[in-house]
Amino acid sequence: MRFVRRYYGIAFVVALGVIALAMMLPIVMRLVVAAYIEPLVSDVPNTEVAMILGASVYRGRPSQILDERADAAIELYKEGKVSKILVTGDNGALSHDEVTPVRKYLLGAGIEPQDIFLDHAGFDTYSSMYRAREVFLAHSLTIVTQDFHLPRALWIARHLGLEAYGVVAEGGEHSPYDYFREIPASIKAIVNVFTDRQPKYLGPTLPLTGNGEETWY
């Protein structure tokens, strides 16, 4: 009986340690990439492309989160910090399209059509970064997303060899849940990076030096 109690005691301590380590991962990622996050667009180094990561759309329109990301990319483009915008998201079904509504939003803001590239197979953050490198042949990029998401996205991009910087998409308030879900997402990111997971789809290359309109359909 004493042995059993000791066994469960050790297991309990180990479980607490694992939980504590998992909770620390997003914090560690934030510290690792802090030097590459700029609070102001004017402070961001010039890169090839601004990357808008996918998020929900409602009735064919970008959600508030996606609007915020698009607005940050538009500012980067108009300030001359990037010459292209890469919109990445889930368009795995005709009924679910996270990228076309953003394209229309960018066009409405005056972005040149040939400078808007769409990645229809950015099913998650890791896939988006991997495809930016392998499909769109990006070398440097500026990621625009919310504060809770940006450290993980930057960490993945940098570990995939991209010269990546980040700008926080400002706007609405975000819940503690947005930060909490970064715990399992960070674990997944680490597994993906260190197992060199290949995205579900790659396909032919679509260099950023080309015409973005060729990627729309």
N, C-alpha and C. Protein backbone atom coordinates (compact mmCIF):
# COMPACT_ATOMS: atom_id res chain seq x y z
N MET A 1 0.83 -1.21 0.00
CA MET A 1 0.00 0.00 0.00
C MET A 1 0.86 1.25 0.00
N ARG A 2 1.95 1.23 0.78
CA ARG A 2 2.84 2.38 0.81
C ARG A 2 3.46 2.62 -0.56
N PHE A 3 3.83 1.50 -1.23
CA PHE A 3 4.41 1.61 -2.57
C PHE A 3 3.42 2.24 -3.54
N VAL A 4 2.15 1.83 -3.44
CA VAL A 4 1.12 2.36 -4.34
C VAL A 4 0.94 3.85 -4.13
N ARG A 5 0.90 4.26 -2.85
CA ARG A 5 0.75 5.68 -2.56
C ARG A 5 1.94 6.48 -3.10
N ARG A 6 3.14 5.91 -2.95
CA ARG A 6 4.33 6.59 -3.45
C ARG A 6 4.28 6.70 -4.97
N TYR A 7 3.83 5.62 -5.63
CA TYR A 7 3.74 5.61 -7.09
C TYR A 7 2.79 6.70 -7.59
N TYR A 8 1.61 6.78 -6.96
CA TYR A 8 0.65 7.79 -7.36
C TYR A 8 1.14 9.20 -7.04
N GLY A 9 1.89 9.31 -5.94
CA GLY A 9 2.45 10.61 -5.60
C GLY A 9 3.45 11.08 -6.64
N ILE A 10 4.32 10.16 -7.08
CA ILE A 10 5.30 10.51 -8.11
C ILE A 10 4.60 10.84 -9.42
N ALA A 11 3.59 10.05 -9.76
CA ALA A 11 2.86 10.28 -11.01
C ALA A 11 2.17 11.64 -10.99
N PHE A 12 1.65 12.02 -9.83
CA PHE A 12 0.98 13.30 -9.69
C PHE A 12 1.96 14.45 -9.88
N VAL A 13 3.14 14.32 -9.28
CA VAL A 13 4.17 15.36 -9.41
C VAL A 13 4.64 15.47 -10.86
N VAL A 14 4.83 14.32 -11.52
CA VAL A 14 5.26 14.32 -12.92
C VAL A 14 4.20 14.99 -13.79
N ALA A 15 2.93 14.65 -13.54
CA ALA A 15 1.84 15.23 -14.32
C ALA A 15 1.80 16.74 -14.15
N LEU A 16 1.99 17.22 -12.92
CA LEU A 16 2.01 18.66 -12.68
C LEU A 16 3.17 19.31 -13.42
N GLY A 17 4.32 18.62 -13.43
CA GLY A 17 5.48 19.15 -14.13
C GLY A 17 5.25 19.27 -15.63
N VAL A 18 4.60 18.26 -16.21
CA VAL A 18 4.31 18.27 -17.64
C VAL A 18 3.34 19.40 -17.97
N ILE A 19 2.32 19.57 -17.13
CA ILE A 19 1.34 20.64 -17.35
C ILE A 19 2.02 22.01 -17.26
N ALA A 20 2.87 22.17 -16.25
CA ALA A 20 3.58 23.45 -16.08
C ALA A 20 4.48 23.74 -17.28
N LEU A 21 5.16 22.71 -17.78
CA LEU A 21 6.03 22.88 -18.94
C LEU A 21 5.22 23.28 -20.17
N ALA A 22 4.08 22.62 -20.36
CA ALA A 22 3.22 22.94 -21.51
C ALA A 22 2.74 24.38 -21.43
N MET A 23 2.37 24.84 -20.23
CA MET A 23 1.88 26.20 -20.07
C MET A 23 2.98 27.24 -20.32
N MET A 24 4.23 26.83 -20.13
CA MET A 24 5.34 27.75 -20.33
C MET A 24 5.72 27.91 -21.80
N LEU A 25 5.33 26.96 -22.66
CA LEU A 25 5.79 26.99 -24.05
C LEU A 25 5.45 28.28 -24.78
N PRO A 26 4.19 28.77 -24.72
CA PRO A 26 3.90 30.04 -25.42
C PRO A 26 4.73 31.20 -24.89
N ILE A 27 5.02 31.18 -23.59
CA ILE A 27 5.83 32.25 -22.99
C ILE A 27 7.26 32.19 -23.51
N VAL A 28 7.80 30.98 -23.57
CA VAL A 28 9.16 30.80 -24.08
C VAL A 28 9.25 31.22 -25.54
N MET A 29 8.26 30.82 -26.35
CA MET A 29 8.25 31.23 -27.76
C MET A 29 8.22 32.75 -27.88
N ARG A 30 7.43 33.39 -27.04
CA ARG A 30 7.33 34.86 -27.08
C ARG A 30 8.69 35.49 -26.78
N LEU A 31 9.39 34.96 -25.79
CA LEU A 31 10.70 35.50 -25.43
C LEU A 31 11.72 35.29 -26.55
N VAL A 32 11.65 34.12 -27.20
CA VAL A 32 12.62 33.79 -28.25
C VAL A 32 12.49 34.73 -29.44
N VAL A 33 11.25 35.11 -29.80
CA VAL A 33 11.05 35.91 -31.02
C VAL A 33 10.78 37.38 -30.72
N ALA A 34 10.87 37.79 -29.48
CA ALA A 34 10.52 39.17 -29.10
C ALA A 34 11.27 40.22 -29.92
N ALA A 35 12.51 39.93 -30.26
CA ALA A 35 13.33 40.90 -30.99
C ALA A 35 12.85 41.13 -32.41
N TYR A 36 11.99 40.25 -32.92
CA TYR A 36 11.53 40.35 -34.30
C TYR A 36 10.11 40.91 -34.41
N ILE A 37 9.54 41.32 -33.29
CA ILE A 37 8.20 41.91 -33.28
C ILE A 37 8.34 43.42 -33.10
N GLU A 38 7.78 44.17 -34.02
CA GLU A 38 7.85 45.62 -33.96
C GLU A 38 6.48 46.21 -33.65
N PRO A 39 6.39 47.15 -32.71
CA PRO A 39 5.09 47.76 -32.37
C PRO A 39 4.58 48.72 -33.43
N LEU A 40 5.50 49.29 -34.23
CA LEU A 40 5.12 50.27 -35.23
C LEU A 40 5.54 49.81 -36.62
N VAL A 41 4.68 50.03 -37.60
CA VAL A 41 4.99 49.66 -38.98
C VAL A 41 6.25 50.37 -39.45
N SER A 42 6.45 51.61 -39.01
CA SER A 42 7.63 52.38 -39.44
C SER A 42 8.94 51.74 -38.99
N ASP A 43 8.88 50.88 -37.97
CA ASP A 43 10.10 50.25 -37.45
C ASP A 43 10.39 48.89 -38.07
N VAL A 44 9.48 48.38 -38.88
CA VAL A 44 9.65 47.05 -39.45
C VAL A 44 10.64 47.10 -40.62
N PRO A 45 11.60 46.17 -40.67
CA PRO A 45 12.51 46.13 -41.83
C PRO A 45 11.72 45.80 -43.11
N ASN A 46 12.22 46.24 -44.23
CA ASN A 46 11.59 45.90 -45.50
C ASN A 46 11.71 44.40 -45.76
N THR A 47 10.62 43.80 -46.21
CA THR A 47 10.63 42.38 -46.58
C THR A 47 9.89 42.23 -47.91
N GLU A 48 9.93 41.02 -48.46
CA GLU A 48 9.29 40.78 -49.75
C GLU A 48 7.77 40.89 -49.67
N VAL A 49 7.19 40.35 -48.61
CA VAL A 49 5.75 40.15 -48.61
C VAL A 49 5.17 40.24 -47.20
N ALA A 50 3.96 40.75 -47.11
CA ALA A 50 3.20 40.70 -45.86
C ALA A 50 2.31 39.48 -45.91
N MET A 51 2.32 38.68 -44.86
CA MET A 51 1.49 37.48 -44.82
C MET A 51 0.29 37.70 -43.91
N ILE A 52 -0.90 37.52 -44.47
CA ILE A 52 -2.14 37.57 -43.70
C ILE A 52 -2.56 36.14 -43.42
N LEU A 53 -2.51 35.73 -42.17
CA LEU A 53 -2.89 34.38 -41.81
C LEU A 53 -4.41 34.24 -41.73
N GLY A 54 -4.89 33.07 -42.07
CA GLY A 54 -6.32 32.83 -42.17
C GLY A 54 -7.06 32.91 -40.85
N ALA A 55 -8.35 33.24 -40.96
CA ALA A 55 -9.26 33.27 -39.81
C ALA A 55 -10.68 33.16 -40.36
N SER A 56 -11.65 33.21 -39.48
CA SER A 56 -13.03 32.98 -39.87
C SER A 56 -13.55 34.06 -40.81
N VAL A 57 -14.49 33.64 -41.66
CA VAL A 57 -15.25 34.58 -42.48
C VAL A 57 -16.73 34.35 -42.20
N TYR A 58 -17.53 35.38 -42.34
CA TYR A 58 -18.96 35.29 -42.07
C TYR A 58 -19.73 35.81 -43.28
N ARG A 59 -20.52 34.91 -43.89
CA ARG A 59 -21.35 35.28 -45.03
C ARG A 59 -20.55 35.98 -46.12
N GLY A 60 -19.38 35.43 -46.37
CA GLY A 60 -18.55 35.96 -47.45
C GLY A 60 -17.75 37.21 -47.12
N ARG A 61 -17.74 37.59 -45.84
CA ARG A 61 -16.97 38.76 -45.43
C ARG A 61 -15.95 38.37 -44.36
N PRO A 62 -14.78 39.02 -44.35
CA PRO A 62 -13.80 38.71 -43.30
C PRO A 62 -14.36 39.02 -41.91
N SER A 63 -14.01 38.20 -40.94
CA SER A 63 -14.35 38.48 -39.55
C SER A 63 -13.54 39.69 -39.07
N GLN A 64 -13.87 40.18 -37.87
CA GLN A 64 -13.13 41.32 -37.33
C GLN A 64 -11.64 41.00 -37.22
N ILE A 65 -11.33 39.80 -36.75
CA ILE A 65 -9.92 39.40 -36.62
C ILE A 65 -9.22 39.46 -37.97
N LEU A 66 -9.89 39.00 -39.01
CA LEU A 66 -9.29 38.98 -40.33
C LEU A 66 -9.19 40.41 -40.90
N ASP A 67 -10.18 41.23 -40.63
CA ASP A 67 -10.11 42.65 -41.02
C ASP A 67 -8.88 43.32 -40.42
N GLU A 68 -8.64 43.04 -39.14
CA GLU A 68 -7.49 43.65 -38.45
C GLU A 68 -6.18 43.24 -39.10
N ARG A 69 -6.09 41.97 -39.47
CA ARG A 69 -4.88 41.48 -40.12
C ARG A 69 -4.70 42.13 -41.50
N ALA A 70 -5.79 42.22 -42.23
CA ALA A 70 -5.72 42.84 -43.56
C ALA A 70 -5.33 44.31 -43.46
N ASP A 71 -5.87 45.02 -42.48
CA ASP A 71 -5.55 46.45 -42.32
C ASP A 71 -4.07 46.65 -42.04
N ALA A 72 -3.49 45.76 -41.22
CA ALA A 72 -2.05 45.88 -40.94
C ALA A 72 -1.22 45.63 -42.20
N ALA A 73 -1.64 44.65 -43.01
CA ALA A 73 -0.92 44.37 -44.26
C ALA A 73 -1.04 45.53 -45.23
N ILE A 74 -2.21 46.13 -45.30
CA ILE A 74 -2.42 47.29 -46.18
C ILE A 74 -1.49 48.44 -45.78
N GLU A 75 -1.36 48.67 -44.47
CA GLU A 75 -0.47 49.73 -44.00
C GLU A 75 0.98 49.44 -44.39
N LEU A 76 1.40 48.19 -44.23
CA LEU A 76 2.77 47.82 -44.62
C LEU A 76 3.00 48.07 -46.10
N TYR A 77 2.03 47.70 -46.91
CA TYR A 77 2.14 47.87 -48.36
C TYR A 77 2.21 49.34 -48.74
N LYS A 78 1.32 50.14 -48.16
CA LYS A 78 1.26 51.55 -48.54
C LYS A 78 2.43 52.36 -47.99
N GLU A 79 3.07 51.82 -46.92
CA GLU A 79 4.26 52.47 -46.39
C GLU A 79 5.52 52.02 -47.11
N GLY A 80 5.39 51.13 -48.08
CA GLY A 80 6.53 50.67 -48.85
C GLY A 80 7.38 49.65 -48.13
N LYS A 81 6.86 49.05 -47.07
CA LYS A 81 7.63 48.05 -46.32
C LYS A 81 7.61 46.69 -47.01
N VAL A 82 6.58 46.43 -47.81
CA VAL A 82 6.48 45.19 -48.59
C VAL A 82 5.98 45.57 -49.98
N SER A 83 6.24 44.70 -50.96
CA SER A 83 5.74 44.95 -52.31
C SER A 83 4.66 43.95 -52.71
N LYS A 84 4.44 42.93 -51.88
CA LYS A 84 3.43 41.92 -52.15
C LYS A 84 2.66 41.61 -50.87
N ILE A 85 1.46 41.07 -51.04
CA ILE A 85 0.67 40.59 -49.90
C ILE A 85 0.26 39.15 -50.19
N LEU A 86 0.54 38.25 -49.27
CA LEU A 86 0.19 36.84 -49.39
C LEU A 86 -0.94 36.54 -48.40
N VAL A 87 -2.10 36.20 -48.94
CA VAL A 87 -3.26 35.86 -48.11
C VAL A 87 -3.34 34.35 -48.03
N THR A 88 -3.21 33.80 -46.84
CA THR A 88 -3.21 32.35 -46.69
C THR A 88 -4.34 31.92 -45.77
N GLY A 89 -4.95 30.79 -46.10
CA GLY A 89 -6.06 30.32 -45.29
C GLY A 89 -6.64 29.03 -45.84
N ASP A 90 -7.73 28.61 -45.24
CA ASP A 90 -8.37 27.34 -45.58
C ASP A 90 -9.43 27.57 -46.66
N ASN A 91 -9.17 27.01 -47.83
CA ASN A 91 -10.16 27.00 -48.91
C ASN A 91 -10.28 25.57 -49.42
N GLY A 92 -10.39 24.65 -48.44
CA GLY A 92 -10.42 23.23 -48.77
C GLY A 92 -11.74 22.76 -49.33
N ALA A 93 -12.76 23.62 -49.29
CA ALA A 93 -14.08 23.27 -49.83
C ALA A 93 -14.71 24.51 -50.44
N LEU A 94 -15.60 24.31 -51.42
CA LEU A 94 -16.25 25.45 -52.06
C LEU A 94 -17.05 26.28 -51.07
N SER A 95 -17.54 25.61 -50.02
CA SER A 95 -18.36 26.29 -49.02
C SER A 95 -17.54 26.98 -47.94
N HIS A 96 -16.22 26.82 -47.97
CA HIS A 96 -15.37 27.42 -46.94
C HIS A 96 -14.17 28.07 -47.61
N ASP A 97 -14.17 29.38 -47.66
CA ASP A 97 -13.13 30.13 -48.36
C ASP A 97 -12.69 31.31 -47.48
N GLU A 98 -11.48 31.19 -46.91
CA GLU A 98 -10.96 32.24 -46.03
C GLU A 98 -10.13 33.28 -46.78
N VAL A 99 -9.84 33.03 -48.07
CA VAL A 99 -8.90 33.91 -48.77
C VAL A 99 -9.57 34.88 -49.75
N THR A 100 -10.58 34.44 -50.48
CA THR A 100 -11.21 35.31 -51.47
C THR A 100 -11.84 36.57 -50.85
N PRO A 101 -12.54 36.47 -49.69
CA PRO A 101 -13.07 37.69 -49.08
C PRO A 101 -11.98 38.70 -48.73
N VAL A 102 -10.80 38.21 -48.35
CA VAL A 102 -9.70 39.11 -48.03
C VAL A 102 -9.16 39.75 -49.31
N ARG A 103 -9.08 38.98 -50.38
CA ARG A 103 -8.66 39.55 -51.67
C ARG A 103 -9.56 40.73 -52.05
N LYS A 104 -10.87 40.55 -51.92
CA LYS A 104 -11.81 41.62 -52.27
C LYS A 104 -11.62 42.83 -51.35
N TYR A 105 -11.35 42.56 -50.09
CA TYR A 105 -11.11 43.64 -49.12
C TYR A 105 -9.87 44.44 -49.51
N LEU A 106 -8.81 43.73 -49.91
CA LEU A 106 -7.57 44.39 -50.31
C LEU A 106 -7.75 45.21 -51.58
N LEU A 107 -8.48 44.66 -52.53
CA LEU A 107 -8.75 45.40 -53.76
C LEU A 107 -9.52 46.68 -53.47
N GLY A 108 -10.48 46.58 -52.55
CA GLY A 108 -11.25 47.74 -52.16
C GLY A 108 -10.42 48.82 -51.50
N ALA A 109 -9.28 48.40 -50.92
CA ALA A 109 -8.37 49.35 -50.26
C ALA A 109 -7.32 49.91 -51.22
N GLY A 110 -7.40 49.51 -52.48
CA GLY A 110 -6.49 50.07 -53.47
C GLY A 110 -5.21 49.29 -53.71
N ILE A 111 -5.12 48.07 -53.21
CA ILE A 111 -3.92 47.26 -53.47
C ILE A 111 -3.95 46.79 -54.92
N GLU A 112 -2.82 46.88 -55.59
CA GLU A 112 -2.73 46.47 -56.99
C GLU A 112 -3.01 44.97 -57.13
N PRO A 113 -3.86 44.57 -58.07
CA PRO A 113 -4.24 43.15 -58.20
C PRO A 113 -3.06 42.21 -58.35
N GLN A 114 -2.06 42.59 -59.14
CA GLN A 114 -0.93 41.70 -59.38
C GLN A 114 -0.07 41.48 -58.14
N ASP A 115 -0.27 42.30 -57.11
CA ASP A 115 0.52 42.18 -55.89
C ASP A 115 -0.17 41.35 -54.81
N ILE A 116 -1.36 40.85 -55.10
CA ILE A 116 -2.11 40.04 -54.13
C ILE A 116 -2.01 38.57 -54.51
N PHE A 117 -1.39 37.79 -53.65
CA PHE A 117 -1.23 36.35 -53.85
C PHE A 117 -2.12 35.59 -52.87
N LEU A 118 -2.76 34.53 -53.35
CA LEU A 118 -3.64 33.73 -52.50
C LEU A 118 -3.09 32.33 -52.33
N ASP A 119 -3.04 31.89 -51.09
CA ASP A 119 -2.68 30.50 -50.78
C ASP A 119 -3.94 29.81 -50.26
N HIS A 120 -4.55 29.00 -51.10
CA HIS A 120 -5.82 28.35 -50.76
C HIS A 120 -5.63 27.13 -49.86
N ALA A 121 -4.40 26.72 -49.62
CA ALA A 121 -4.15 25.50 -48.84
C ALA A 121 -3.36 25.79 -47.56
N GLY A 122 -3.55 26.98 -47.01
CA GLY A 122 -2.91 27.30 -45.73
C GLY A 122 -3.79 26.83 -44.59
N PHE A 123 -3.86 25.52 -44.42
CA PHE A 123 -4.83 24.93 -43.49
C PHE A 123 -4.50 25.16 -42.02
N ASP A 124 -3.25 25.46 -41.74
CA ASP A 124 -2.84 25.83 -40.39
C ASP A 124 -1.59 26.71 -40.51
N THR A 125 -1.16 27.26 -39.39
CA THR A 125 -0.03 28.19 -39.41
C THR A 125 1.24 27.55 -39.96
N TYR A 126 1.50 26.32 -39.55
CA TYR A 126 2.70 25.63 -40.03
C TYR A 126 2.65 25.45 -41.54
N SER A 127 1.51 24.99 -42.06
CA SER A 127 1.38 24.78 -43.50
C SER A 127 1.56 26.09 -44.26
N SER A 128 1.03 27.18 -43.71
CA SER A 128 1.16 28.48 -44.36
C SER A 128 2.62 28.90 -44.49
N MET A 129 3.40 28.71 -43.43
CA MET A 129 4.81 29.08 -43.46
C MET A 129 5.61 28.17 -44.39
N TYR A 130 5.33 26.90 -44.32
CA TYR A 130 6.02 25.93 -45.17
C TYR A 130 5.75 26.22 -46.64
N ARG A 131 4.50 26.48 -46.97
CA ARG A 131 4.13 26.76 -48.35
C ARG A 131 4.66 28.12 -48.82
N ALA A 132 4.74 29.09 -47.91
CA ALA A 132 5.35 30.37 -48.28
C ALA A 132 6.77 30.16 -48.78
N ARG A 133 7.48 29.25 -48.14
CA ARG A 133 8.87 28.97 -48.52
C ARG A 133 8.96 28.10 -49.77
N GLU A 134 8.18 27.03 -49.82
CA GLU A 134 8.32 26.03 -50.88
C GLU A 134 7.51 26.32 -52.13
N VAL A 135 6.33 26.91 -51.98
CA VAL A 135 5.45 27.16 -53.12
C VAL A 135 5.63 28.58 -53.66
N PHE A 136 5.65 29.57 -52.75
CA PHE A 136 5.75 30.96 -53.18
C PHE A 136 7.19 31.47 -53.19
N LEU A 137 8.11 30.62 -52.77
CA LEU A 137 9.55 30.90 -52.81
C LEU A 137 9.92 32.18 -52.07
N ALA A 138 9.24 32.41 -50.96
CA ALA A 138 9.53 33.57 -50.13
C ALA A 138 10.83 33.36 -49.36
N HIS A 139 11.59 34.43 -49.20
CA HIS A 139 12.79 34.41 -48.37
C HIS A 139 12.61 35.27 -47.13
N SER A 140 11.88 36.37 -47.29
CA SER A 140 11.63 37.26 -46.15
C SER A 140 10.16 37.66 -46.16
N LEU A 141 9.60 37.80 -44.97
CA LEU A 141 8.18 38.16 -44.88
C LEU A 141 7.90 38.85 -43.55
N THR A 142 6.80 39.59 -43.55
CA THR A 142 6.31 40.21 -42.32
C THR A 142 4.93 39.63 -42.03
N ILE A 143 4.81 39.01 -40.88
CA ILE A 143 3.57 38.34 -40.49
C ILE A 143 2.67 39.33 -39.77
N VAL A 144 1.41 39.39 -40.16
CA VAL A 144 0.46 40.26 -39.47
C VAL A 144 -0.64 39.38 -38.86
N THR A 145 -0.73 39.39 -37.55
CA THR A 145 -1.75 38.64 -36.84
C THR A 145 -1.86 39.21 -35.43
N GLN A 146 -2.79 38.66 -34.66
CA GLN A 146 -3.01 39.19 -33.31
C GLN A 146 -1.89 38.76 -32.34
N ASP A 147 -1.83 39.49 -31.22
CA ASP A 147 -0.76 39.28 -30.25
C ASP A 147 -0.68 37.85 -29.74
N PHE A 148 -1.84 37.22 -29.52
CA PHE A 148 -1.81 35.86 -28.97
C PHE A 148 -1.23 34.86 -29.97
N HIS A 149 -1.32 35.14 -31.25
CA HIS A 149 -0.93 34.22 -32.31
C HIS A 149 0.47 34.48 -32.87
N LEU A 150 0.89 35.73 -32.81
CA LEU A 150 2.11 36.15 -33.49
C LEU A 150 3.38 35.43 -33.04
N PRO A 151 3.63 35.24 -31.74
CA PRO A 151 4.89 34.56 -31.35
C PRO A 151 5.01 33.16 -31.94
N ARG A 152 3.93 32.40 -31.93
CA ARG A 152 3.99 31.04 -32.49
C ARG A 152 4.25 31.08 -34.00
N ALA A 153 3.55 31.98 -34.70
CA ALA A 153 3.74 32.08 -36.14
C ALA A 153 5.18 32.46 -36.48
N LEU A 154 5.73 33.42 -35.74
CA LEU A 154 7.11 33.84 -35.98
C LEU A 154 8.09 32.72 -35.65
N TRP A 155 7.85 32.03 -34.57
CA TRP A 155 8.74 30.94 -34.16
C TRP A 155 8.80 29.88 -35.25
N ILE A 156 7.64 29.51 -35.80
CA ILE A 156 7.60 28.52 -36.88
C ILE A 156 8.36 29.04 -38.09
N ALA A 157 8.05 30.26 -38.51
CA ALA A 157 8.68 30.82 -39.71
C ALA A 157 10.19 30.84 -39.59
N ARG A 158 10.69 31.29 -38.46
CA ARG A 158 12.14 31.41 -38.27
C ARG A 158 12.78 30.02 -38.24
N HIS A 159 12.11 29.04 -37.65
CA HIS A 159 12.67 27.69 -37.62
C HIS A 159 12.61 27.01 -38.99
N LEU A 160 11.80 27.54 -39.89
CA LEU A 160 11.77 27.02 -41.25
C LEU A 160 12.74 27.77 -42.16
N GLY A 161 13.53 28.66 -41.57
CA GLY A 161 14.57 29.35 -42.32
C GLY A 161 14.15 30.63 -42.99
N LEU A 162 12.96 31.13 -42.69
CA LEU A 162 12.50 32.38 -43.27
C LEU A 162 12.99 33.57 -42.45
N GLU A 163 13.35 34.65 -43.14
CA GLU A 163 13.67 35.90 -42.45
C GLU A 163 12.33 36.57 -42.13
N ALA A 164 11.84 36.32 -40.95
CA ALA A 164 10.49 36.74 -40.62
C ALA A 164 10.46 37.79 -39.51
N TYR A 165 9.55 38.75 -39.68
CA TYR A 165 9.29 39.77 -38.66
C TYR A 165 7.79 39.80 -38.42
N GLY A 166 7.38 40.47 -37.38
CA GLY A 166 5.96 40.47 -37.04
C GLY A 166 5.44 41.83 -36.65
N VAL A 167 4.19 42.09 -37.01
CA VAL A 167 3.46 43.28 -36.60
C VAL A 167 2.14 42.83 -35.99
N VAL A 168 1.82 43.36 -34.82
CA VAL A 168 0.57 42.99 -34.17
C VAL A 168 -0.58 43.69 -34.86
N ALA A 169 -1.59 42.92 -35.24
CA ALA A 169 -2.81 43.48 -35.82
C ALA A 169 -3.67 44.03 -34.70
N GLU A 170 -3.75 45.33 -34.63
CA GLU A 170 -4.47 45.98 -33.53
C GLU A 170 -5.97 46.07 -33.84
N GLY A 171 -6.74 46.31 -32.78
CA GLY A 171 -8.17 46.49 -32.98
C GLY A 171 -8.97 46.00 -31.80
N GLY A 172 -9.71 44.93 -32.01
CA GLY A 172 -10.62 44.41 -30.99
C GLY A 172 -9.92 43.77 -29.81
N GLU A 173 -10.71 43.51 -28.77
CA GLU A 173 -10.19 42.84 -27.58
C GLU A 173 -10.26 41.33 -27.78
N HIS A 174 -9.39 40.63 -27.09
CA HIS A 174 -9.33 39.18 -27.21
C HIS A 174 -9.43 38.55 -25.83
N SER A 175 -10.02 37.38 -25.80
CA SER A 175 -10.33 36.72 -24.53
C SER A 175 -9.15 35.92 -24.01
N PRO A 176 -9.15 35.59 -22.71
CA PRO A 176 -8.11 34.71 -22.17
C PRO A 176 -8.04 33.38 -22.89
N TYR A 177 -9.18 32.93 -23.43
CA TYR A 177 -9.20 31.65 -24.16
C TYR A 177 -8.29 31.70 -25.38
N ASP A 178 -8.19 32.85 -26.03
CA ASP A 178 -7.32 32.98 -27.20
C ASP A 178 -5.87 32.67 -26.83
N TYR A 179 -5.46 33.09 -25.65
CA TYR A 179 -4.10 32.81 -25.18
C TYR A 179 -3.98 31.38 -24.67
N PHE A 180 -5.03 30.88 -24.02
CA PHE A 180 -4.99 29.51 -23.48
C PHE A 180 -4.83 28.47 -24.58
N ARG A 181 -5.52 28.67 -25.69
CA ARG A 181 -5.45 27.67 -26.76
C ARG A 181 -4.10 27.67 -27.46
N GLU A 182 -3.25 28.67 -27.16
CA GLU A 182 -1.90 28.66 -27.70
C GLU A 182 -1.05 27.55 -27.07
N ILE A 183 -1.49 27.04 -25.92
CA ILE A 183 -0.72 25.95 -25.28
C ILE A 183 -0.70 24.70 -26.16
N PRO A 184 -1.86 24.11 -26.50
CA PRO A 184 -1.80 22.94 -27.40
C PRO A 184 -1.28 23.29 -28.78
N ALA A 185 -1.57 24.51 -29.25
CA ALA A 185 -1.09 24.92 -30.57
C ALA A 185 0.44 24.99 -30.60
N SER A 186 1.04 25.42 -29.50
CA SER A 186 2.51 25.50 -29.41
C SER A 186 3.13 24.11 -29.40
N ILE A 187 2.49 23.18 -28.71
CA ILE A 187 2.98 21.80 -28.70
C ILE A 187 2.96 21.23 -30.11
N LYS A 188 1.84 21.46 -30.80
CA LYS A 188 1.71 20.99 -32.19
C LYS A 188 2.79 21.61 -33.07
N ALA A 189 3.06 22.91 -32.89
CA ALA A 189 4.07 23.59 -33.70
C ALA A 189 5.44 22.96 -33.52
N ILE A 190 5.80 22.67 -32.28
CA ILE A 190 7.10 22.07 -32.00
C ILE A 190 7.22 20.70 -32.66
N VAL A 191 6.17 19.90 -32.55
CA VAL A 191 6.17 18.57 -33.17
C VAL A 191 6.31 18.70 -34.68
N ASN A 192 5.56 19.62 -35.28
CA ASN A 192 5.62 19.80 -36.73
C ASN A 192 7.00 20.21 -37.20
N VAL A 193 7.60 21.17 -36.50
CA VAL A 193 8.91 21.66 -36.90
C VAL A 193 9.98 20.59 -36.78
N PHE A 194 10.00 19.88 -35.66
CA PHE A 194 11.08 18.93 -35.42
C PHE A 194 10.87 17.58 -36.10
N THR A 195 9.67 17.33 -36.63
CA THR A 195 9.46 16.15 -37.47
C THR A 195 9.46 16.52 -38.95
N ASP A 196 9.63 17.83 -39.23
CA ASP A 196 9.65 18.33 -40.60
C ASP A 196 8.40 17.86 -41.37
N ARG A 197 7.25 18.06 -40.76
CA ARG A 197 6.00 17.63 -41.40
C ARG A 197 5.79 18.37 -42.71
N GLN A 198 5.40 17.64 -43.73
CA GLN A 198 5.09 18.25 -45.02
C GLN A 198 3.59 18.50 -45.10
N PRO A 199 3.19 19.68 -45.53
CA PRO A 199 1.76 19.97 -45.64
C PRO A 199 1.05 18.99 -46.56
N LYS A 200 -0.26 18.93 -46.42
CA LYS A 200 -1.08 18.01 -47.22
C LYS A 200 -0.93 18.28 -48.70
N TYR A 201 -0.87 19.57 -49.08
CA TYR A 201 -0.73 19.95 -50.48
C TYR A 201 0.48 20.87 -50.66
N LEU A 202 1.21 20.64 -51.75
CA LEU A 202 2.27 21.56 -52.15
C LEU A 202 2.00 22.04 -53.57
N GLY A 203 2.22 21.18 -54.56
CA GLY A 203 1.90 21.57 -55.92
C GLY A 203 3.00 22.38 -56.56
N PRO A 204 2.70 23.00 -57.73
CA PRO A 204 3.72 23.76 -58.46
C PRO A 204 4.10 25.05 -57.73
N THR A 205 5.27 25.57 -58.06
CA THR A 205 5.71 26.82 -57.45
C THR A 205 4.97 28.00 -58.08
N LEU A 206 4.72 29.01 -57.27
CA LEU A 206 4.04 30.24 -57.68
C LEU A 206 4.85 31.41 -57.13
N PRO A 207 5.97 31.73 -57.74
CA PRO A 207 6.91 32.71 -57.16
C PRO A 207 6.27 34.08 -56.96
N LEU A 208 6.67 34.73 -55.88
CA LEU A 208 6.18 36.07 -55.58
C LEU A 208 6.65 37.09 -56.61
N THR A 209 7.60 36.72 -57.43
CA THR A 209 8.06 37.62 -58.48
C THR A 209 7.11 37.64 -59.67
N GLY A 210 6.11 36.75 -59.67
CA GLY A 210 5.16 36.68 -60.76
C GLY A 210 3.95 37.57 -60.52
N ASN A 211 2.86 37.23 -61.21
CA ASN A 211 1.61 37.97 -61.14
C ASN A 211 0.67 37.28 -60.16
N GLY A 212 0.31 37.96 -59.09
CA GLY A 212 -0.54 37.36 -58.07
C GLY A 212 -1.90 36.91 -58.56
N GLU A 213 -2.40 37.55 -59.62
CA GLU A 213 -3.72 37.19 -60.14
C GLU A 213 -3.78 35.72 -60.60
N GLU A 214 -2.64 35.16 -60.94
CA GLU A 214 -2.60 33.76 -61.38
C GLU A 214 -2.89 32.79 -60.24
N THR A 215 -2.88 33.29 -59.00
CA THR A 215 -3.12 32.41 -57.84
C THR A 215 -4.55 32.53 -57.32
N TRP A 216 -5.39 33.30 -57.95
CA TRP A 216 -6.70 33.59 -57.38
C TRP A 216 -7.69 32.44 -57.52
N TYR A 217 -7.54 31.62 -58.57
CA TYR A 217 -8.58 30.60 -58.82
C TYR A 217 -7.95 29.23 -58.97
